[in-house]
PDB file of N, CA and C in Angstrom:
ATOM      1  N   MET A   1       0.828  -1.165   0.000  1.00  0.00           N
ATOM      2  CA  MET A   1       0.000   0.000   0.000  1.00  0.00           C
ATOM      3  C   MET A   1       0.887   1.247   0.000  1.00  0.00           C
ATOM      4  N   GLN A   2       0.579   2.179  -0.847  1.00  0.00           N
ATOM      5  CA  GLN A   2       1.358   3.394  -0.988  1.00  0.00           C
ATOM      6  C   GLN A   2       0.784   4.483  -0.087  1.00  0.00           C
ATOM      7  N   THR A   3       1.681   5.207   0.590  1.00  0.00           N
ATOM      8  CA  THR A   3       1.220   6.291   1.452  1.00  0.00           C
ATOM      9  C   THR A   3       1.328   7.610   0.706  1.00  0.00           C
ATOM     10  N   TYR A   4       0.488   8.547   1.091  1.00  0.00           N
ATOM     11  CA  TYR A   4       0.454   9.856   0.451  1.00  0.00           C
ATOM     12  C   TYR A   4       1.250  10.854   1.291  1.00  0.00           C
ATOM     13  N   THR A   5       2.125  11.591   0.640  1.00  0.00           N
ATOM     14  CA  THR A   5       2.864  12.667   1.291  1.00  0.00           C
ATOM     15  C   THR A   5       2.409  13.978   0.671  1.00  0.00           C
ATOM     16  N   ASP A   6       1.909  14.861   1.529  1.00  0.00           N
ATOM     17  CA  ASP A   6       1.406  16.124   0.989  1.00  0.00           C
ATOM     18  C   ASP A   6       2.568  16.959   0.439  1.00  0.00           C
ATOM     19  N   PRO A   7       2.302  17.864  -0.471  1.00  0.00           N
ATOM     20  CA  PRO A   7       3.364  18.645  -1.127  1.00  0.00           C
ATOM     21  C   PRO A   7       4.230  19.458  -0.169  1.00  0.00           C
ATOM     22  N   CYS A   8       3.640  20.010   0.889  1.00  0.00           N
ATOM     23  CA  CYS A   8       4.427  20.805   1.847  1.00  0.00           C
ATOM     24  C   CYS A   8       5.433  19.930   2.591  1.00  0.00           C
ATOM     25  N   THR A   9       4.982  18.774   3.029  1.00  0.00           N
ATOM     26  CA  THR A   9       5.881  17.847   3.723  1.00  0.00           C
ATOM     27  C   THR A   9       6.990  17.387   2.791  1.00  0.00           C
ATOM     28  N   TYR A  10       6.634  17.070   1.557  1.00  0.00           N
ATOM     29  CA  TYR A  10       7.633  16.649   0.579  1.00  0.00           C
ATOM     30  C   TYR A  10       8.664  17.761   0.351  1.00  0.00           C
ATOM     31  N   ALA A  11       8.202  18.994   0.231  1.00  0.00           N
ATOM     32  CA  ALA A  11       9.109  20.125   0.006  1.00  0.00           C
ATOM     33  C   ALA A  11      10.048  20.310   1.190  1.00  0.00           C
ATOM     34  N   LEU A  12       9.536  20.190   2.413  1.00  0.00           N
ATOM     35  CA  LEU A  12      10.382  20.316   3.597  1.00  0.00           C
ATOM     36  C   LEU A  12      11.412  19.193   3.659  1.00  0.00           C
ATOM     37  N   GLN A  13      10.992  17.974   3.332  1.00  0.00           N
ATOM     38  CA  GLN A  13      11.928  16.848   3.331  1.00  0.00           C
ATOM     39  C   GLN A  13      13.018  17.049   2.283  1.00  0.00           C
ATOM     40  N   GLU A  14      12.645  17.560   1.125  1.00  0.00           N
ATOM     41  CA  GLU A  14      13.616  17.806   0.056  1.00  0.00           C
ATOM     42  C   GLU A  14      14.575  18.916   0.451  1.00  0.00           C
ATOM     43  N   ASP A  15      14.055  19.973   1.074  1.00  0.00           N
ATOM     44  CA  ASP A  15      14.913  21.061   1.554  1.00  0.00           C
ATOM     45  C   ASP A  15      15.906  20.546   2.591  1.00  0.00           C
ATOM     46  N   MET A  16      15.446  19.688   3.502  1.00  0.00           N
ATOM     47  CA  MET A  16      16.326  19.137   4.530  1.00  0.00           C
ATOM     48  C   MET A  16      17.398  18.254   3.898  1.00  0.00           C
ATOM     49  N   ARG A  17      17.012  17.467   2.911  1.00  0.00           N
ATOM     50  CA  ARG A  17      17.988  16.608   2.223  1.00  0.00           C
ATOM     51  C   ARG A  17      19.060  17.463   1.551  1.00  0.00           C
ATOM     52  N   MET A  18      18.634  18.518   0.880  1.00  0.00           N
ATOM     53  CA  MET A  18      19.591  19.402   0.195  1.00  0.00           C
ATOM     54  C   MET A  18      20.486  20.118   1.198  1.00  0.00           C
ATOM     55  N   LEU A  19      19.940  20.561   2.324  1.00  0.00           N
ATOM     56  CA  LEU A  19      20.737  21.222   3.357  1.00  0.00           C
ATOM     57  C   LEU A  19      21.778  20.265   3.922  1.00  0.00           C
ATOM     58  N   LYS A  20      21.378  19.028   4.179  1.00  0.00           N
ATOM     59  CA  LYS A  20      22.330  18.040   4.698  1.00  0.00           C
ATOM     60  C   LYS A  20      23.448  17.774   3.695  1.00  0.00           C
ATOM     61  N   GLU A  21      23.120  17.732   2.413  1.00  0.00           N
ATOM     62  CA  GLU A  21      24.154  17.540   1.390  1.00  0.00           C
ATOM     63  C   GLU A  21      25.122  18.722   1.372  1.00  0.00           C
ATOM     64  N   MET A  22      24.587  19.937   1.481  1.00  0.00           N
ATOM     65  CA  MET A  22      25.444  21.125   1.498  1.00  0.00           C
ATOM     66  C   MET A  22      26.332  21.137   2.740  1.00  0.00           C
ATOM     67  N   ILE A  23      25.756  20.808   3.890  1.00  0.00           N
ATOM     68  CA  ILE A  23      26.541  20.769   5.124  1.00  0.00           C
ATOM     69  C   ILE A  23      27.645  19.732   5.005  1.00  0.00           C
ATOM     70  N   ALA A  24      27.316  18.531   4.558  1.00  0.00           N
ATOM     71  CA  ALA A  24      28.308  17.457   4.450  1.00  0.00           C
ATOM     72  C   ALA A  24      29.440  17.842   3.507  1.00  0.00           C
ATOM     73  N   SER A  25      29.108  18.449   2.392  1.00  0.00           N
ATOM     74  CA  SER A  25      30.119  18.849   1.415  1.00  0.00           C
ATOM     75  C   SER A  25      31.033  19.940   1.978  1.00  0.00           C
ATOM     76  N   ASP A  26      30.434  20.996   2.507  1.00  0.00           N
ATOM     77  CA  ASP A  26      31.230  22.101   3.059  1.00  0.00           C
ATOM     78  C   ASP A  26      32.031  21.650   4.278  1.00  0.00           C
ATOM     79  N   LEU A  27      31.415  20.821   5.112  1.00  0.00           N
ATOM     80  CA  LEU A  27      32.088  20.348   6.314  1.00  0.00           C
ATOM     81  C   LEU A  27      33.291  19.472   5.976  1.00  0.00           C
ATOM     82  N   SER A  28      33.170  18.635   4.967  1.00  0.00           N
ATOM     83  CA  SER A  28      34.313  17.785   4.601  1.00  0.00           C
ATOM     84  C   SER A  28      35.487  18.634   4.118  1.00  0.00           C
ATOM     85  N   GLN A  29      35.201  19.704   3.405  1.00  0.00           N
ATOM     86  CA  GLN A  29      36.269  20.606   2.968  1.00  0.00           C
ATOM     87  C   GLN A  29      36.916  21.292   4.166  1.00  0.00           C
ATOM     88  N   TYR A  30      36.096  21.744   5.107  1.00  0.00           N
ATOM     89  CA  TYR A  30      36.601  22.379   6.329  1.00  0.00           C
ATOM     90  C   TYR A  30      37.462  21.401   7.128  1.00  0.00           C
ATOM     91  N   MET A  31      36.993  20.165   7.266  1.00  0.00           N
ATOM     92  CA  MET A  31      37.762  19.172   8.028  1.00  0.00           C
ATOM     93  C   MET A  31      39.072  18.838   7.335  1.00  0.00           C
ATOM     94  N   LEU A  32      39.067  18.813   6.017  1.00  0.00           N
ATOM     95  CA  LEU A  32      40.291  18.533   5.273  1.00  0.00           C
ATOM     96  C   LEU A  32      41.332  19.624   5.503  1.00  0.00           C
ATOM     97  N   GLU A  33      40.887  20.863   5.530  1.00  0.00           N
ATOM     98  CA  GLU A  33      41.804  21.993   5.684  1.00  0.00           C
ATOM     99  C   GLU A  33      42.249  22.208   7.124  1.00  0.00           C
ATOM    100  N   MET A  34      41.353  21.986   8.093  1.00  0.00           N
ATOM    101  CA  MET A  34      41.627  22.385   9.468  1.00  0.00           C
ATOM    102  C   MET A  34      41.873  21.243  10.456  1.00  0.00           C
ATOM    103  N   MET A  35      41.441  20.023  10.128  1.00  0.00           N
ATOM    104  CA  MET A  35      41.524  18.876  11.036  1.00  0.00           C
ATOM    105  C   MET A  35      40.957  19.218  12.423  1.00  0.00           C
ATOM    106  N   PRO A  36      39.710  19.705  12.462  1.00  0.00           N
ATOM    107  CA  PRO A  36      39.125  20.183  13.725  1.00  0.00           C
ATOM    108  C   PRO A  36      38.542  19.065  14.587  1.00  0.00           C
ATOM    109  N   SER A  37      38.297  19.424  15.848  1.00  0.00           N
ATOM    110  CA  SER A  37      37.594  18.516  16.762  1.00  0.00           C
ATOM    111  C   SER A  37      36.107  18.518  16.412  1.00  0.00           C
ATOM    112  N   LEU A  38      35.375  17.600  16.995  1.00  0.00           N
ATOM    113  CA  LEU A  38      33.937  17.542  16.772  1.00  0.00           C
ATOM    114  C   LEU A  38      33.266  18.829  17.237  1.00  0.00           C
ATOM    115  N   ASN A  39      33.663  19.342  18.387  1.00  0.00           N
ATOM    116  CA  ASN A  39      33.065  20.586  18.895  1.00  0.00           C
ATOM    117  C   ASN A  39      33.301  21.742  17.936  1.00  0.00           C
ATOM    118  N   ASP A  40      34.502  21.827  17.392  1.00  0.00           N
ATOM    119  CA  ASP A  40      34.790  22.883  16.420  1.00  0.00           C
ATOM    120  C   ASP A  40      33.942  22.724  15.163  1.00  0.00           C
ATOM    121  N   CYS A  41      33.707  21.489  14.754  1.00  0.00           N
ATOM    122  CA  CYS A  41      32.866  21.237  13.574  1.00  0.00           C
ATOM    123  C   CYS A  41      31.430  21.684  13.816  1.00  0.00           C
ATOM    124  N   VAL A  42      30.900  21.361  14.978  1.00  0.00           N
ATOM    125  CA  VAL A  42      29.525  21.773  15.303  1.00  0.00           C
ATOM    126  C   VAL A  42      29.438  23.291  15.320  1.00  0.00           C
ATOM    127  N   ASP A  43      30.404  23.948  15.976  1.00  0.00           N
ATOM    128  CA  ASP A  43      30.410  25.414  16.010  1.00  0.00           C
ATOM    129  C   ASP A  43      30.493  25.994  14.604  1.00  0.00           C
ATOM    130  N   TRP A  44      31.334  25.416  13.765  1.00  0.00           N
ATOM    131  CA  TRP A  44      31.514  25.917  12.406  1.00  0.00           C
ATOM    132  C   TRP A  44      30.228  25.778  11.597  1.00  0.00           C
ATOM    133  N   VAL A  45      29.573  24.623  11.691  1.00  0.00           N
ATOM    134  CA  VAL A  45      28.324  24.406  10.955  1.00  0.00           C
ATOM    135  C   VAL A  45      27.257  25.390  11.437  1.00  0.00           C
ATOM    136  N   CYS A  46      27.152  25.561  12.734  1.00  0.00           N
ATOM    137  CA  CYS A  46      26.157  26.503  13.269  1.00  0.00           C
ATOM    138  C   CYS A  46      26.411  27.920  12.764  1.00  0.00           C
ATOM    139  N   ASP A  47      27.670  28.341  12.764  1.00  0.00           N
ATOM    140  CA  ASP A  47      28.014  29.676  12.266  1.00  0.00           C
ATOM    141  C   ASP A  47      27.800  29.785  10.760  1.00  0.00           C
ATOM    142  N   ARG A  48      28.266  28.807  10.030  1.00  0.00           N
ATOM    143  CA  ARG A  48      28.218  28.840   8.570  1.00  0.00           C
ATOM    144  C   ARG A  48      26.795  28.843   8.029  1.00  0.00           C
ATOM    145  N   PHE A  49      25.933  28.053   8.644  1.00  0.00           N
ATOM    146  CA  PHE A  49      24.569  27.890   8.129  1.00  0.00           C
ATOM    147  C   PHE A  49      23.514  28.558   9.012  1.00  0.00           C
ATOM    148  N   ALA A  50      23.947  29.326  10.011  1.00  0.00           N
ATOM    149  CA  ALA A  50      23.039  30.044  10.921  1.00  0.00           C
ATOM    150  C   ALA A  50      22.011  29.092  11.536  1.00  0.00           C
ATOM    151  N   LEU A  51      22.519  27.999  12.118  1.00  0.00           N
ATOM    152  CA  LEU A  51      21.662  26.979  12.724  1.00  0.00           C
ATOM    153  C   LEU A  51      21.931  26.889  14.220  1.00  0.00           C
ATOM    154  N   ASP A  52      20.948  26.383  14.946  1.00  0.00           N
ATOM    155  CA  ASP A  52      21.120  26.090  16.366  1.00  0.00           C
ATOM    156  C   ASP A  52      21.682  24.683  16.505  1.00  0.00           C
ATOM    157  N   ALA A  53      22.411  24.449  17.584  1.00  0.00           N
ATOM    158  CA  ALA A  53      23.023  23.145  17.827  1.00  0.00           C
ATOM    159  C   ALA A  53      21.999  22.196  18.455  1.00  0.00           C
ATOM    160  N   THR A  54      21.089  21.705  17.635  1.00  0.00           N
ATOM    161  CA  THR A  54      20.092  20.741  18.107  1.00  0.00           C
ATOM    162  C   THR A  54      20.727  19.356  18.191  1.00  0.00           C
ATOM    163  N   ASP A  55      20.052  18.458  18.884  1.00  0.00           N
ATOM    164  CA  ASP A  55      20.545  17.076  18.977  1.00  0.00           C
ATOM    165  C   ASP A  55      20.683  16.454  17.592  1.00  0.00           C
ATOM    166  N   GLU A  56      19.704  16.717  16.725  1.00  0.00           N
ATOM    167  CA  GLU A  56      19.740  16.157  15.372  1.00  0.00           C
ATOM    168  C   GLU A  56      20.944  16.678  14.587  1.00  0.00           C
ATOM    169  N   LEU A  57      21.228  17.975  14.708  1.00  0.00           N
ATOM    170  CA  LEU A  57      22.373  18.549  13.996  1.00  0.00           C
ATOM    171  C   LEU A  57      23.682  18.006  14.551  1.00  0.00           C
ATOM    172  N   ILE A  58      23.800  17.937  15.868  1.00  0.00           N
ATOM    173  CA  ILE A  58      25.024  17.413  16.479  1.00  0.00           C
ATOM    174  C   ILE A  58      25.255  15.969  16.048  1.00  0.00           C
ATOM    175  N   ASP A  59      24.201  15.151  16.024  1.00  0.00           N
ATOM    176  CA  ASP A  59      24.333  13.761  15.580  1.00  0.00           C
ATOM    177  C   ASP A  59      24.785  13.691  14.124  1.00  0.00           C
ATOM    178  N   PHE A  60      24.209  14.553  13.282  1.00  0.00           N
ATOM    179  CA  PHE A  60      24.582  14.553  11.872  1.00  0.00           C
ATOM    180  C   PHE A  60      26.045  14.958  11.692  1.00  0.00           C
ATOM    181  N   VAL A  61      26.458  16.017  12.387  1.00  0.00           N
ATOM    182  CA  VAL A  61      27.850  16.474  12.295  1.00  0.00           C
ATOM    183  C   VAL A  61      28.791  15.398  12.850  1.00  0.00           C
ATOM    184  N   ALA A  62      28.396  14.759  13.941  1.00  0.00           N
ATOM    185  CA  ALA A  62      29.216  13.690  14.514  1.00  0.00           C
ATOM    186  C   ALA A  62      29.375  12.531  13.530  1.00  0.00           C
ATOM    187  N   ASP A  63      28.304  12.173  12.833  1.00  0.00           N
ATOM    188  CA  ASP A  63      28.387  11.117  11.817  1.00  0.00           C
ATOM    189  C   ASP A  63      29.348  11.503  10.699  1.00  0.00           C
ATOM    190  N   CYS A  64      29.250  12.761  10.240  1.00  0.00           N
ATOM    191  CA  CYS A  64      30.160  13.241   9.191  1.00  0.00           C
ATOM    192  C   CYS A  64      31.597  13.233   9.686  1.00  0.00           C
ATOM    193  N   HIS A  65      31.810  13.675  10.921  1.00  0.00           N
ATOM    194  CA  HIS A  65      33.145  13.730  11.516  1.00  0.00           C
ATOM    195  C   HIS A  65      33.727  12.321  11.639  1.00  0.00           C
ATOM    196  N   ASP A  66      32.938  11.386  12.160  1.00  0.00           N
ATOM    197  CA  ASP A  66      33.401  10.003  12.320  1.00  0.00           C
ATOM    198  C   ASP A  66      33.710   9.364  10.965  1.00  0.00           C
ATOM    199  N   GLU A  67      32.866   9.620   9.976  1.00  0.00           N
ATOM    200  CA  GLU A  67      33.090   9.061   8.650  1.00  0.00           C
ATOM    201  C   GLU A  67      34.375   9.633   8.043  1.00  0.00           C
ATOM    202  N   PHE A  68      34.595  10.929   8.214  1.00  0.00           N
ATOM    203  CA  PHE A  68      35.763  11.581   7.631  1.00  0.00           C
ATOM    204  C   PHE A  68      37.058  11.059   8.263  1.00  0.00           C
ATOM    205  N   PHE A  69      37.054  10.937   9.599  1.00  0.00           N
ATOM    206  CA  PHE A  69      38.269  10.539  10.307  1.00  0.00           C
ATOM    207  C   PHE A  69      38.356   9.025  10.531  1.00  0.00           C
ATOM    208  N   GLY A  70      37.393   8.276  10.005  1.00  0.00           N
ATOM    209  CA  GLY A  70      37.445   6.819  10.069  1.00  0.00           C
ATOM    210  C   GLY A  70      37.213   6.251  11.456  1.00  0.00           C
ATOM    211  N   ASN A  71      36.427   6.922  12.271  1.00  0.00           N
ATOM    212  CA  ASN A  71      36.143   6.413  13.628  1.00  0.00           C
ATOM    213  C   ASN A  71      34.959   5.491  13.619  1.00  0.00           C
TER     214      ASN A  71
END
């Protein structure tokens, strides 16, 4: 059975997907140049994208950081 996703929800999900791709791309470049700690990465993402450090954002940045540094 197929579920229906209203256009507004779909647009928000697509915007979030695109934002995560932009964060991951920019963050990997920052990590390559600076070799920062996880805390520095979270601060940088918050400053760069004007975001609050929510649990979801911290988890996402931590995943990117761990993937980049092979943890």
